[in-house]
C-alpha atoms as a PDB file:
ATOM      1  CA  MET A   1      49.435  55.059 131.350  1.00  0.00           C
ATOM      2  CA  GLU A   2      46.884  56.835 129.163  1.00  0.00           C
ATOM      3  CA  ASN A   3      49.102  59.921 128.964  1.00  0.00           C
ATOM      4  CA  LEU A   4      52.075  57.781 127.901  1.00  0.00           C
ATOM      5  CA  LEU A   5      50.035  56.214 125.107  1.00  0.00           C
ATOM      6  CA  TYR A   6      49.156  59.756 124.058  1.00  0.00           C
ATOM      7  CA  ILE A   7      52.666  61.210 124.133  1.00  0.00           C
ATOM      8  CA  ILE A   8      54.715  58.307 122.663  1.00  0.00           C
ATOM      9  CA  PRO A   9      53.233  58.269 119.127  1.00  0.00           C
ATOM     10  CA  ARG A  10      53.272  62.062 119.057  1.00  0.00           C
ATOM     11  CA  GLY A  11      56.902  62.091 120.092  1.00  0.00           C
ATOM     12  CA  VAL A  12      57.798  59.618 117.344  1.00  0.00           C
ATOM     13  CA  ALA A  13      55.866  61.702 114.803  1.00  0.00           C
ATOM     14  CA  ILE A  14      57.664  64.888 115.893  1.00  0.00           C
ATOM     15  CA  GLY A  15      61.039  63.152 115.586  1.00  0.00           C
ATOM     16  CA  ILE A  16      60.265  61.995 112.058  1.00  0.00           C
ATOM     17  CA  LEU A  17      58.885  65.366 110.966  1.00  0.00           C
ATOM     18  CA  ILE A  18      61.887  67.265 112.345  1.00  0.00           C
ATOM     19  CA  SER A  19      64.250  65.044 110.354  1.00  0.00           C
ATOM     20  CA  ALA A  20      62.149  64.605 107.202  1.00  0.00           C
ATOM     21  CA  PRO A  21      62.679  67.975 105.438  1.00  0.00           C
ATOM     22  CA  MET A  22      65.457  67.348 102.921  1.00  0.00           C
ATOM     23  CA  GLY A  23      67.733  70.151 104.073  1.00  0.00           C
ATOM     24  CA  PRO A  24      71.535  70.262 104.287  1.00  0.00           C
ATOM     25  CA  ILE A  25      71.827  67.336 106.712  1.00  0.00           C
ATOM     26  CA  GLY A  26      69.658  65.197 104.437  1.00  0.00           C
ATOM     27  CA  MET A  27      71.891  66.038 101.502  1.00  0.00           C
ATOM     28  CA  LEU A  28      74.937  65.159 103.591  1.00  0.00           C
ATOM     29  CA  CYS A  29      73.492  61.768 104.594  1.00  0.00           C
ATOM     30  CA  ILE A  30      72.656  60.912 100.980  1.00  0.00           C
ATOM     31  CA  GLN A  31      76.141  61.928  99.848  1.00  0.00           C
ATOM     32  CA  ARG A  32      77.818  59.876 102.575  1.00  0.00           C
ATOM     33  CA  THR A  33      75.638  56.841 101.895  1.00  0.00           C
ATOM     34  CA  LEU A  34      76.630  56.891  98.242  1.00  0.00           C
ATOM     35  CA  ASN A  35      80.298  57.665  98.888  1.00  0.00           C
ATOM     36  CA  LYS A  36      81.076  55.771 102.091  1.00  0.00           C
ATOM     37  CA  GLY A  37      78.260  53.313 102.638  1.00  0.00           C
ATOM     38  CA  ARG A  38      75.189  53.157 104.818  1.00  0.00           C
ATOM     39  CA  TRP A  39      76.613  53.144 108.346  1.00  0.00           C
ATOM     40  CA  PRO A  40      78.759  56.302 108.145  1.00  0.00           C
ATOM     41  CA  ALA A  41      75.646  58.095 106.892  1.00  0.00           C
ATOM     42  CA  PHE A  42      73.501  56.529 109.617  1.00  0.00           C
ATOM     43  CA  PHE A  43      75.890  57.723 112.334  1.00  0.00           C
ATOM     44  CA  THR A  44      75.734  61.164 110.727  1.00  0.00           C
ATOM     45  CA  GLY A  45      71.967  60.971 111.128  1.00  0.00           C
ATOM     46  CA  ILE A  46      72.325  59.926 114.781  1.00  0.00           C
ATOM     47  CA  GLY A  47      74.440  63.041 115.364  1.00  0.00           C
ATOM     48  CA  ALA A  48      71.724  65.132 113.731  1.00  0.00           C
ATOM     49  CA  ALA A  49      69.079  63.419 115.886  1.00  0.00           C
ATOM     50  CA  LEU A  50      71.027  64.263 119.056  1.00  0.00           C
ATOM     51  CA  SER A  51      71.215  67.905 117.972  1.00  0.00           C
ATOM     52  CA  ASP A  52      67.455  67.903 117.319  1.00  0.00           C
ATOM     53  CA  ILE A  53      66.649  66.459 120.737  1.00  0.00           C
ATOM     54  CA  ILE A  54      68.802  69.111 122.425  1.00  0.00           C
ATOM     55  CA  TYR A  55      66.828  71.811 120.621  1.00  0.00           C
ATOM     56  CA  CYS A  56      63.612  70.054 121.648  1.00  0.00           C
ATOM     57  CA  LEU A  57      64.739  70.125 125.281  1.00  0.00           C
ATOM     58  CA  LEU A  58      65.623  73.814 125.019  1.00  0.00           C
ATOM     59  CA  THR A  59      62.241  74.489 123.467  1.00  0.00           C
ATOM     60  CA  GLY A  60      60.379  72.641 126.200  1.00  0.00           C
ATOM     61  CA  LEU A  61      62.359  74.305 129.004  1.00  0.00           C
ATOM     62  CA  GLY A  62      62.218  77.871 127.775  1.00  0.00           C
ATOM     63  CA  ILE A  63      60.171  78.619 124.687  1.00  0.00           C
ATOM     64  CA  SER A  64      59.892  82.366 125.327  1.00  0.00           C
ATOM     65  CA  PHE A  65      63.586  82.825 126.146  1.00  0.00           C
ATOM     66  CA  ILE A  66      64.750  80.820 123.121  1.00  0.00           C
ATOM     67  CA  THR A  67      62.360  82.622 120.791  1.00  0.00           C
ATOM     68  CA  ASP A  68      63.504  86.044 122.013  1.00  0.00           C
ATOM     69  CA  PHE A  69      67.166  85.073 121.603  1.00  0.00           C
ATOM     70  CA  ILE A  70      66.672  83.848 118.038  1.00  0.00           C
ATOM     71  CA  GLU A  71      64.633  86.879 117.023  1.00  0.00           C
ATOM     72  CA  SER A  72      67.233  89.287 118.425  1.00  0.00           C
ATOM     73  CA  ASN A  73      70.137  87.439 116.771  1.00  0.00           C
ATOM     74  CA  GLN A  74      68.426  86.116 113.655  1.00  0.00           C
ATOM     75  CA  THR A  75      70.728  87.836 111.147  1.00  0.00           C
ATOM     76  CA  ALA A  76      73.911  86.661 112.876  1.00  0.00           C
ATOM     77  CA  LEU A  77      72.590  83.114 113.140  1.00  0.00           C
ATOM     78  CA  GLN A  78      71.611  83.025 109.469  1.00  0.00           C
ATOM     79  CA  VAL A  79      75.018  84.367 108.437  1.00  0.00           C
ATOM     80  CA  LEU A  80      76.809  81.790 110.623  1.00  0.00           C
ATOM     81  CA  GLY A  81      74.708  78.959 109.217  1.00  0.00           C
ATOM     82  CA  GLY A  82      75.330  80.269 105.694  1.00  0.00           C
ATOM     83  CA  ILE A  83      79.088  80.220 106.201  1.00  0.00           C
ATOM     84  CA  VAL A  84      78.923  76.594 107.340  1.00  0.00           C
ATOM     85  CA  LEU A  85      76.819  75.654 104.299  1.00  0.00           C
ATOM     86  CA  ILE A  86      79.103  77.430 101.836  1.00  0.00           C
ATOM     87  CA  ALA A  87      82.219  75.813 103.307  1.00  0.00           C
ATOM     88  CA  PHE A  88      80.791  72.324 103.038  1.00  0.00           C
ATOM     89  CA  GLY A  89      79.188  73.042  99.667  1.00  0.00           C
ATOM     90  CA  VAL A  90      82.546  74.112  98.207  1.00  0.00           C
ATOM     91  CA  TYR A  91      84.144  71.023  99.764  1.00  0.00           C
ATOM     92  CA  LEU A  92      81.622  68.715  98.068  1.00  0.00           C
ATOM     93  CA  PHE A  93      81.810  70.580  94.760  1.00  0.00           C
ATOM     94  CA  ARG A  94      85.581  70.086  94.610  1.00  0.00           C
ATOM     95  CA  LYS A  95      85.620  66.570  96.083  1.00  0.00           C
ATOM     96  CA  ASN A  96      87.052  63.799  93.906  1.00  0.00           C
ATOM     97  CA  PRO A  97      84.612  60.853  94.117  1.00  0.00           C
ATOM     98  CA  THR A  98      87.212  58.339  92.864  1.00  0.00           C
ATOM     99  CA  ARG A  99      88.859  58.524  96.296  1.00  0.00           C
ATOM    100  CA  THR A 100      85.712  57.632  98.189  1.00  0.00           C
ATOM    101  CA  LEU A 101      83.562  55.461  95.912  1.00  0.00           C
ATOM    102  CA  LYS A 102      84.542  51.998  97.123  1.00  0.00           C
ATOM    103  CA  PRO A 103      82.889  49.123  99.000  1.00  0.00           C
ATOM    104  CA  ALA A 104      82.002  49.899 102.583  1.00  0.00           C
ATOM    105  CA  ALA A 105      84.165  47.016 103.819  1.00  0.00           C
ATOM    106  CA  GLU A 106      87.250  48.600 102.270  1.00  0.00           C
ATOM    107  CA  SER A 107      86.655  52.132 103.499  1.00  0.00           C
ATOM    108  CA  ASN A 108      88.354  53.385 106.627  1.00  0.00           C
ATOM    109  CA  ASN A 109      85.283  54.921 108.240  1.00  0.00           C
ATOM    110  CA  ASN A 110      85.424  56.825 111.497  1.00  0.00           C
ATOM    111  CA  PHE A 111      81.894  56.638 112.872  1.00  0.00           C
ATOM    112  CA  TRP A 112      82.726  59.104 115.640  1.00  0.00           C
ATOM    113  CA  THR A 113      83.769  61.721 113.075  1.00  0.00           C
ATOM    114  CA  ASN A 114      80.564  61.126 111.116  1.00  0.00           C
ATOM    115  CA  PHE A 115      78.523  61.462 114.294  1.00  0.00           C
ATOM    116  CA  VAL A 116      80.228  64.712 115.343  1.00  0.00           C
ATOM    117  CA  THR A 117      79.937  66.328 111.919  1.00  0.00           C
ATOM    118  CA  GLY A 118      76.250  65.386 111.731  1.00  0.00           C
ATOM    119  CA  PHE A 119      75.694  66.908 115.163  1.00  0.00           C
ATOM    120  CA  PHE A 120      77.427  70.217 114.496  1.00  0.00           C
ATOM    121  CA  PHE A 121      76.062  70.500 110.966  1.00  0.00           C
ATOM    122  CA  THR A 122      72.541  70.373 112.400  1.00  0.00           C
ATOM    123  CA  PHE A 123      73.338  72.376 115.530  1.00  0.00           C
ATOM    124  CA  SER A 124      74.602  75.279 113.387  1.00  0.00           C
ATOM    125  CA  ASN A 125      70.994  75.990 112.357  1.00  0.00           C
ATOM    126  CA  PRO A 126      69.129  77.057 115.521  1.00  0.00           C
ATOM    127  CA  LEU A 127      66.290  78.468 113.408  1.00  0.00           C
ATOM    128  CA  ILE A 128      64.894  74.929 113.490  1.00  0.00           C
ATOM    129  CA  LEU A 129      63.566  75.892 116.925  1.00  0.00           C
ATOM    130  CA  PHE A 130      60.689  77.735 115.249  1.00  0.00           C
ATOM    131  CA  PHE A 131      59.768  74.516 113.454  1.00  0.00           C
ATOM    132  CA  ILE A 132      59.970  72.564 116.714  1.00  0.00           C
ATOM    133  CA  ILE A 133      57.769  75.115 118.487  1.00  0.00           C
ATOM    134  CA  GLY A 134      55.190  74.706 115.730  1.00  0.00           C
ATOM    135  CA  LEU A 135      55.281  70.915 116.005  1.00  0.00           C
ATOM    136  CA  PHE A 136      54.973  71.037 119.811  1.00  0.00           C
ATOM    137  CA  ALA A 137      51.929  73.254 119.457  1.00  0.00           C
ATOM    138  CA  ARG A 138      50.402  71.127 116.683  1.00  0.00           C
ATOM    139  CA  PHE A 139      50.706  67.889 118.672  1.00  0.00           C
ATOM    140  CA  ASN A 140      49.967  69.423 122.115  1.00  0.00           C
ATOM    141  CA  PHE A 141      53.245  67.977 123.306  1.00  0.00           C
ATOM    142  CA  ILE A 142      53.556  70.221 126.383  1.00  0.00           C
ATOM    143  CA  GLN A 143      50.698  70.000 128.862  1.00  0.00           C
ATOM    144  CA  GLN A 144      50.367  71.087 132.480  1.00  0.00           C
ATOM    145  CA  GLU A 145      49.182  67.707 133.753  1.00  0.00           C
ATOM    146  CA  TYR A 146      52.324  65.921 132.510  1.00  0.00           C
ATOM    147  CA  HIS A 147      54.949  64.823 135.033  1.00  0.00           C
ATOM    148  CA  ALA A 148      58.710  64.551 134.554  1.00  0.00           C
ATOM    149  CA  TYR A 149      58.555  60.896 133.473  1.00  0.00           C
ATOM    150  CA  HIS A 150      56.048  61.777 130.749  1.00  0.00           C
ATOM    151  CA  TYR A 151      58.544  64.167 129.208  1.00  0.00           C
ATOM    152  CA  ILE A 152      61.429  61.717 129.597  1.00  0.00           C
ATOM    153  CA  VAL A 153      59.444  59.155 127.612  1.00  0.00           C
ATOM    154  CA  GLY A 154      58.254  61.830 125.169  1.00  0.00           C
ATOM    155  CA  TYR A 155      61.715  63.192 124.374  1.00  0.00           C
ATOM    156  CA  PHE A 156      63.071  59.675 124.052  1.00  0.00           C
ATOM    157  CA  SER A 157      60.252  58.978 121.575  1.00  0.00           C
ATOM    158  CA  ILE A 158      61.314  62.024 119.548  1.00  0.00           C
ATOM    159  CA  PHE A 159      64.880  60.689 119.445  1.00  0.00           C
ATOM    160  CA  ILE A 160      63.640  57.246 118.354  1.00  0.00           C
ATOM    161  CA  GLY A 161      61.493  58.813 115.627  1.00  0.00           C
ATOM    162  CA  ALA A 162      64.463  60.783 114.264  1.00  0.00           C
ATOM    163  CA  ILE A 163      66.738  57.735 114.286  1.00  0.00           C
ATOM    164  CA  PHE A 164      64.036  55.678 112.566  1.00  0.00           C
ATOM    165  CA  TRP A 165      63.861  58.268 109.786  1.00  0.00           C
ATOM    166  CA  TRP A 166      67.627  58.172 109.157  1.00  0.00           C
ATOM    167  CA  TYR A 167      67.589  54.377 109.304  1.00  0.00           C
ATOM    168  CA  ILE A 168      64.975  54.273 106.509  1.00  0.00           C
ATOM    169  CA  VAL A 169      66.671  56.968 104.417  1.00  0.00           C
ATOM    170  CA  THR A 170      70.116  55.371 104.565  1.00  0.00           C
ATOM    171  CA  LEU A 171      68.632  51.910 103.929  1.00  0.00           C
ATOM    172  CA  PHE A 172      66.828  53.107 100.794  1.00  0.00           C
ATOM    173  CA  VAL A 173      69.767  55.095  99.389  1.00  0.00           C
ATOM    174  CA  ASN A 174      72.141  52.220 100.113  1.00  0.00           C
ATOM    175  CA  LEU A 175      69.920  49.844  98.138  1.00  0.00           C
ATOM    176  CA  VAL A 176      70.397  51.957  95.006  1.00  0.00           C
ATOM    177  CA  ARG A 177      74.015  53.047  95.556  1.00  0.00           C
ATOM    178  CA  ASN A 178      75.408  50.261  93.328  1.00  0.00           C
ATOM    179  CA  ARG A 179      73.640  51.829  90.355  1.00  0.00           C
ATOM    180  CA  PHE A 180      75.956  54.831  90.541  1.00  0.00           C
ATOM    181  CA  ASN A 181      79.358  54.958  88.868  1.00  0.00           C
ATOM    182  CA  VAL A 182      82.204  57.426  89.414  1.00  0.00           C
ATOM    183  CA  ARG A 183      80.807  59.952  86.963  1.00  0.00           C
ATOM    184  CA  SER A 184      77.390  59.743  88.628  1.00  0.00           C
ATOM    185  CA  MET A 185      78.984  60.444  92.003  1.00  0.00           C
ATOM    186  CA  TRP A 186      80.946  63.374  90.562  1.00  0.00           C
ATOM    187  CA  ILE A 187      77.678  64.854  89.245  1.00  0.00           C
ATOM    188  CA  ILE A 188      75.825  64.184  92.523  1.00  0.00           C
ATOM    189  CA  ASN A 189      78.613  65.782  94.575  1.00  0.00           C
ATOM    190  CA  ARG A 190      78.453  68.907  92.414  1.00  0.00           C
ATOM    191  CA  ILE A 191      74.662  69.045  92.482  1.00  0.00           C
ATOM    192  CA  ILE A 192      74.501  68.663  96.259  1.00  0.00           C
ATOM    193  CA  GLY A 193      77.363  71.129  96.740  1.00  0.00           C
ATOM    194  CA  SER A 194      75.598  73.643  94.491  1.00  0.00           C
ATOM    195  CA  ILE A 195      72.319  73.173  96.400  1.00  0.00           C
ATOM    196  CA  LEU A 196      74.057  73.817  99.725  1.00  0.00           C
ATOM    197  CA  ILE A 197      75.753  76.939  98.368  1.00  0.00           C
ATOM    198  CA  GLY A 198      72.397  78.074  96.942  1.00  0.00           C
ATOM    199  CA  MET A 199      70.728  77.586 100.325  1.00  0.00           C
ATOM    200  CA  ALA A 200      73.472  79.645 101.956  1.00  0.00           C
ATOM    201  CA  ILE A 201      73.154  82.486  99.423  1.00  0.00           C
ATOM    202  CA  PHE A 202      69.381  82.526  99.901  1.00  0.00           C
ATOM    203  CA  GLY A 203      69.927  82.713 103.673  1.00  0.00           C
ATOM    204  CA  PHE A 204      72.324  85.641 103.254  1.00  0.00           C
ATOM    205  CA  VAL A 205      69.905  87.513 100.988  1.00  0.00           C
ATOM    206  CA  TRP A 206      66.997  86.896 103.335  1.00  0.00           C
ATOM    207  CA  ALA A 207      68.988  87.954 106.408  1.00  0.00           C
ATOM    208  CA  PHE A 208      70.237  91.216 104.889  1.00  0.00           C
ATOM    209  CA  LYS A 209      66.854  91.917 103.315  1.00  0.00           C
ATOM    210  CA  ASP A 210      65.261  91.910 106.776  1.00  0.00           C
ATOM    211  CA  THR A 211      68.166  93.860 108.281  1.00  0.00           C
ATOM    212  CA  PHE A 212      68.244  96.671 105.732  1.00  0.00           C
ATOM    213  CA  LYS A 213      64.511  96.511 104.858  1.00  0.00           C
ATOM    214  CA  ILE A 214      65.282  95.985 101.174  1.00  0.00           C
END
């Protein structure tokens, strides 16, 4: 029981910290909250949380193998993630907000599609494993005296922490979404699209810099 009380709050904290950095998936959830309403964005966050927990499981089951794989394929992974970011960034930059800015009750939302896109958008960035490894080490999440049920509870706590984060984010953004008009959404789409493209370009430069020792 004492070990469970130790691992549960740490699992929740890890889940929140994995989700908290405002990267591409955070931008996507904000954009969907403003354009489609809270619940499509929340299901996007659930998809991201599922991707995070899979990477947490991979980290716990084989830290050395995963680390070696990422290090040996780092350039290819960064290029692949950059392509995904550019594609979605261009999509947002060109998106017409007048087609999507409408009350949530009127929108034809497909929660499954939101969930799947959130999952794959997050899963396309396996470099997050280094962040997870750091968090596991910081919180002493993996210990020899733990049994299987400790880890089941711990990983479930991580998932709950991630979902809690997206619940709070989408709740907050949804509270202020009515303050945005069509022009505001057009500007936000272009800003977020530009940020995603900028992230991708930075990833490309960093990948080729390491490859060619520039």
